[in-house]
C-alpha atoms as a PDB file:
ATOM      1  CA  UNK A   1      19.582 -84.986 -50.583  1.00  0.00           C
ATOM      2  CA  UNK A   2      21.723 -83.281 -53.018  1.00  0.00           C
ATOM      3  CA  UNK A   3      23.189 -84.725 -56.113  1.00  0.00           C
ATOM      4  CA  UNK A   4      26.914 -84.953 -56.454  1.00  0.00           C
ATOM      5  CA  UNK A   5      26.614 -83.622 -60.132  1.00  0.00           C
ATOM      6  CA  UNK A   6      25.026 -80.416 -58.691  1.00  0.00           C
ATOM      7  CA  UNK A   7      27.336 -77.506 -58.548  1.00  0.00           C
ATOM      8  CA  UNK A   8      26.773 -74.808 -55.700  1.00  0.00           C
ATOM      9  CA  UNK A   9      27.652 -71.362 -57.415  1.00  0.00           C
ATOM     10  CA  UNK A  10      29.049 -68.233 -55.754  1.00  0.00           C
ATOM     11  CA  UNK A  11      29.446 -64.761 -56.993  1.00  0.00           C
ATOM     12  CA  UNK A  12      33.003 -65.584 -57.711  1.00  0.00           C
ATOM     13  CA  UNK A  13      32.280 -68.715 -59.972  1.00  0.00           C
ATOM     14  CA  UNK A  14      29.029 -67.828 -61.497  1.00  0.00           C
ATOM     15  CA  UNK A  15      30.222 -65.968 -64.735  1.00  0.00           C
ATOM     16  CA  UNK A  16      33.001 -68.348 -65.253  1.00  0.00           C
ATOM     17  CA  UNK A  17      30.601 -71.198 -65.238  1.00  0.00           C
ATOM     18  CA  UNK A  18      28.046 -69.721 -67.417  1.00  0.00           C
ATOM     19  CA  UNK A  19      30.718 -68.896 -69.944  1.00  0.00           C
ATOM     20  CA  UNK A  20      32.200 -72.363 -69.931  1.00  0.00           C
ATOM     21  CA  UNK A  21      28.938 -74.430 -69.909  1.00  0.00           C
ATOM     22  CA  UNK A  22      27.458 -75.312 -73.273  1.00  0.00           C
ATOM     23  CA  UNK A  23      24.059 -75.974 -71.454  1.00  0.00           C
ATOM     24  CA  UNK A  24      23.607 -74.624 -68.002  1.00  0.00           C
ATOM     25  CA  UNK A  25      20.344 -74.678 -65.761  1.00  0.00           C
ATOM     26  CA  UNK A  26      20.734 -72.520 -62.681  1.00  0.00           C
ATOM     27  CA  UNK A  27      18.307 -72.450 -59.543  1.00  0.00           C
ATOM     28  CA  UNK A  28      18.212 -69.380 -57.621  1.00  0.00           C
ATOM     29  CA  UNK A  29      17.013 -70.372 -54.082  1.00  0.00           C
ATOM     30  CA  UNK A  30      17.181 -69.853 -50.623  1.00  0.00           C
ATOM     31  CA  UNK A  31      16.988 -72.223 -47.420  1.00  0.00           C
ATOM     32  CA  UNK A  32      13.959 -70.584 -45.912  1.00  0.00           C
ATOM     33  CA  UNK A  33      11.853 -70.734 -49.526  1.00  0.00           C
ATOM     34  CA  UNK A  34       9.230 -73.374 -49.172  1.00  0.00           C
ATOM     35  CA  UNK A  35       8.840 -73.615 -52.983  1.00  0.00           C
ATOM     36  CA  UNK A  36      12.467 -74.050 -53.314  1.00  0.00           C
ATOM     37  CA  UNK A  37      12.611 -76.899 -50.971  1.00  0.00           C
ATOM     38  CA  UNK A  38       9.634 -78.272 -53.308  1.00  0.00           C
ATOM     39  CA  UNK A  39      11.477 -78.000 -56.526  1.00  0.00           C
ATOM     40  CA  UNK A  40      14.875 -78.994 -55.093  1.00  0.00           C
ATOM     41  CA  UNK A  41      14.429 -82.643 -55.438  1.00  0.00           C
ATOM     42  CA  UNK A  42      13.443 -82.245 -59.193  1.00  0.00           C
ATOM     43  CA  UNK A  43      16.737 -80.322 -59.791  1.00  0.00           C
ATOM     44  CA  UNK A  44      18.684 -82.829 -58.338  1.00  0.00           C
ATOM     45  CA  UNK A  45      16.960 -85.466 -60.554  1.00  0.00           C
ATOM     46  CA  UNK A  46      17.786 -83.424 -63.458  1.00  0.00           C
ATOM     47  CA  UNK A  47      21.431 -83.215 -62.531  1.00  0.00           C
ATOM     48  CA  UNK A  48      21.620 -86.884 -62.224  1.00  0.00           C
ATOM     49  CA  UNK A  49      19.861 -87.793 -65.404  1.00  0.00           C
ATOM     50  CA  UNK A  50      21.554 -85.026 -67.636  1.00  0.00           C
ATOM     51  CA  UNK A  51      25.103 -85.518 -66.096  1.00  0.00           C
ATOM     52  CA  UNK A  52      27.650 -84.945 -68.809  1.00  0.00           C
ATOM     53  CA  UNK A  53      25.230 -83.231 -71.057  1.00  0.00           C
ATOM     54  CA  UNK A  54      23.726 -80.416 -68.979  1.00  0.00           C
ATOM     55  CA  UNK A  55      25.566 -78.591 -66.176  1.00  0.00           C
ATOM     56  CA  UNK A  56      22.978 -77.904 -63.314  1.00  0.00           C
ATOM     57  CA  UNK A  57      24.010 -75.504 -60.528  1.00  0.00           C
ATOM     58  CA  UNK A  58      22.273 -73.495 -57.504  1.00  0.00           C
ATOM     59  CA  UNK A  59      22.715 -70.151 -56.442  1.00  0.00           C
ATOM     60  CA  UNK A  60      21.680 -69.425 -52.768  1.00  0.00           C
ATOM     61  CA  UNK A  61      20.467 -65.747 -53.030  1.00  0.00           C
ATOM     62  CA  UNK A  62      21.182 -65.104 -49.495  1.00  0.00           C
ATOM     63  CA  UNK A  63      24.883 -65.985 -50.052  1.00  0.00           C
ATOM     64  CA  UNK A  64      25.311 -64.334 -53.453  1.00  0.00           C
ATOM     65  CA  UNK A  65      23.504 -60.934 -53.301  1.00  0.00           C
ATOM     66  CA  UNK A  66      25.665 -59.637 -55.958  1.00  0.00           C
ATOM     67  CA  UNK A  67      24.516 -62.496 -58.652  1.00  0.00           C
ATOM     68  CA  UNK A  68      20.936 -62.133 -57.541  1.00  0.00           C
ATOM     69  CA  UNK A  69      20.994 -58.547 -57.955  1.00  0.00           C
ATOM     70  CA  UNK A  70      22.705 -58.420 -61.198  1.00  0.00           C
ATOM     71  CA  UNK A  71      19.997 -61.009 -62.655  1.00  0.00           C
ATOM     72  CA  UNK A  72      17.060 -58.894 -61.072  1.00  0.00           C
ATOM     73  CA  UNK A  73      16.082 -61.939 -59.219  1.00  0.00           C
ATOM     74  CA  UNK A  74      13.068 -60.654 -57.257  1.00  0.00           C
ATOM     75  CA  UNK A  75      11.159 -63.892 -56.473  1.00  0.00           C
ATOM     76  CA  UNK A  76      12.320 -67.490 -56.079  1.00  0.00           C
ATOM     77  CA  UNK A  77      12.650 -70.078 -57.197  1.00  0.00           C
ATOM     78  CA  UNK A  78      13.877 -68.823 -60.171  1.00  0.00           C
ATOM     79  CA  UNK A  79      15.195 -71.019 -63.036  1.00  0.00           C
ATOM     80  CA  UNK A  80      17.258 -69.898 -65.709  1.00  0.00           C
ATOM     81  CA  UNK A  81      18.691 -71.565 -68.700  1.00  0.00           C
ATOM     82  CA  UNK A  82      22.081 -70.595 -70.450  1.00  0.00           C
ATOM     83  CA  UNK A  83      23.021 -71.923 -73.774  1.00  0.00           C
ATOM     84  CA  UNK A  84      26.511 -71.021 -74.823  1.00  0.00           C
ATOM     85  CA  UNK A  85      26.655 -68.036 -72.310  1.00  0.00           C
ATOM     86  CA  UNK A  86      23.416 -66.593 -73.493  1.00  0.00           C
ATOM     87  CA  UNK A  87      20.295 -66.565 -71.311  1.00  0.00           C
ATOM     88  CA  UNK A  88      17.593 -68.591 -73.321  1.00  0.00           C
ATOM     89  CA  UNK A  89      15.044 -69.219 -70.864  1.00  0.00           C
ATOM     90  CA  UNK A  90      13.935 -67.916 -67.383  1.00  0.00           C
ATOM     91  CA  UNK A  91      10.877 -68.810 -65.232  1.00  0.00           C
ATOM     92  CA  UNK A  92       9.840 -68.003 -61.567  1.00  0.00           C
ATOM     93  CA  UNK A  93       8.064 -70.367 -59.305  1.00  0.00           C
ATOM     94  CA  UNK A  94       7.296 -74.042 -59.510  1.00  0.00           C
ATOM     95  CA  UNK A  95       8.112 -75.719 -62.422  1.00  0.00           C
ATOM     96  CA  UNK A  96       7.659 -79.510 -63.631  1.00  0.00           C
ATOM     97  CA  UNK A  97      10.328 -81.667 -64.227  1.00  0.00           C
ATOM     98  CA  UNK A  98       8.874 -82.482 -67.786  1.00  0.00           C
ATOM     99  CA  UNK A  99       8.626 -78.763 -68.357  1.00  0.00           C
ATOM    100  CA  UNK A 100      12.370 -78.029 -67.563  1.00  0.00           C
ATOM    101  CA  UNK A 101      13.670 -81.205 -69.385  1.00  0.00           C
ATOM    102  CA  UNK A 102      11.504 -80.038 -72.240  1.00  0.00           C
ATOM    103  CA  UNK A 103      13.206 -76.527 -72.410  1.00  0.00           C
ATOM    104  CA  UNK A 104      16.728 -78.006 -71.915  1.00  0.00           C
ATOM    105  CA  UNK A 105      16.202 -80.069 -75.247  1.00  0.00           C
END
C-alpha cells in the first residue's frame, strides 16, 4: 500500500523538490531491501498524517543512481530530512515512527 501523499522522486525531480519543500523527508530504498519493506508502511503513515505540513518522498536507489551517489547512500534504508533546502538529519537502518515524527517537529 502506498500513500497518495507520497512522492516518488527521480534524478530529475530531486533537487527541485528539496528546494521547494519547507520540510522534506526522503526515504532512500530499493525493492529488494528487507528493512526497506519493513519501514515502508511507517513512511506511508507519516505521509498521510503530516500531509500538508511535511513533504514525504521516496527515492529508489536502483532507478536513481546519480542522486544516491551524490548523497553517498551506501546502505539502505537511509532517511534524510531537509528543512528549507538544507539537510538537517540523516539516519540509516530501521527507524521508529515516533523517532521520525520527533525529528520532523
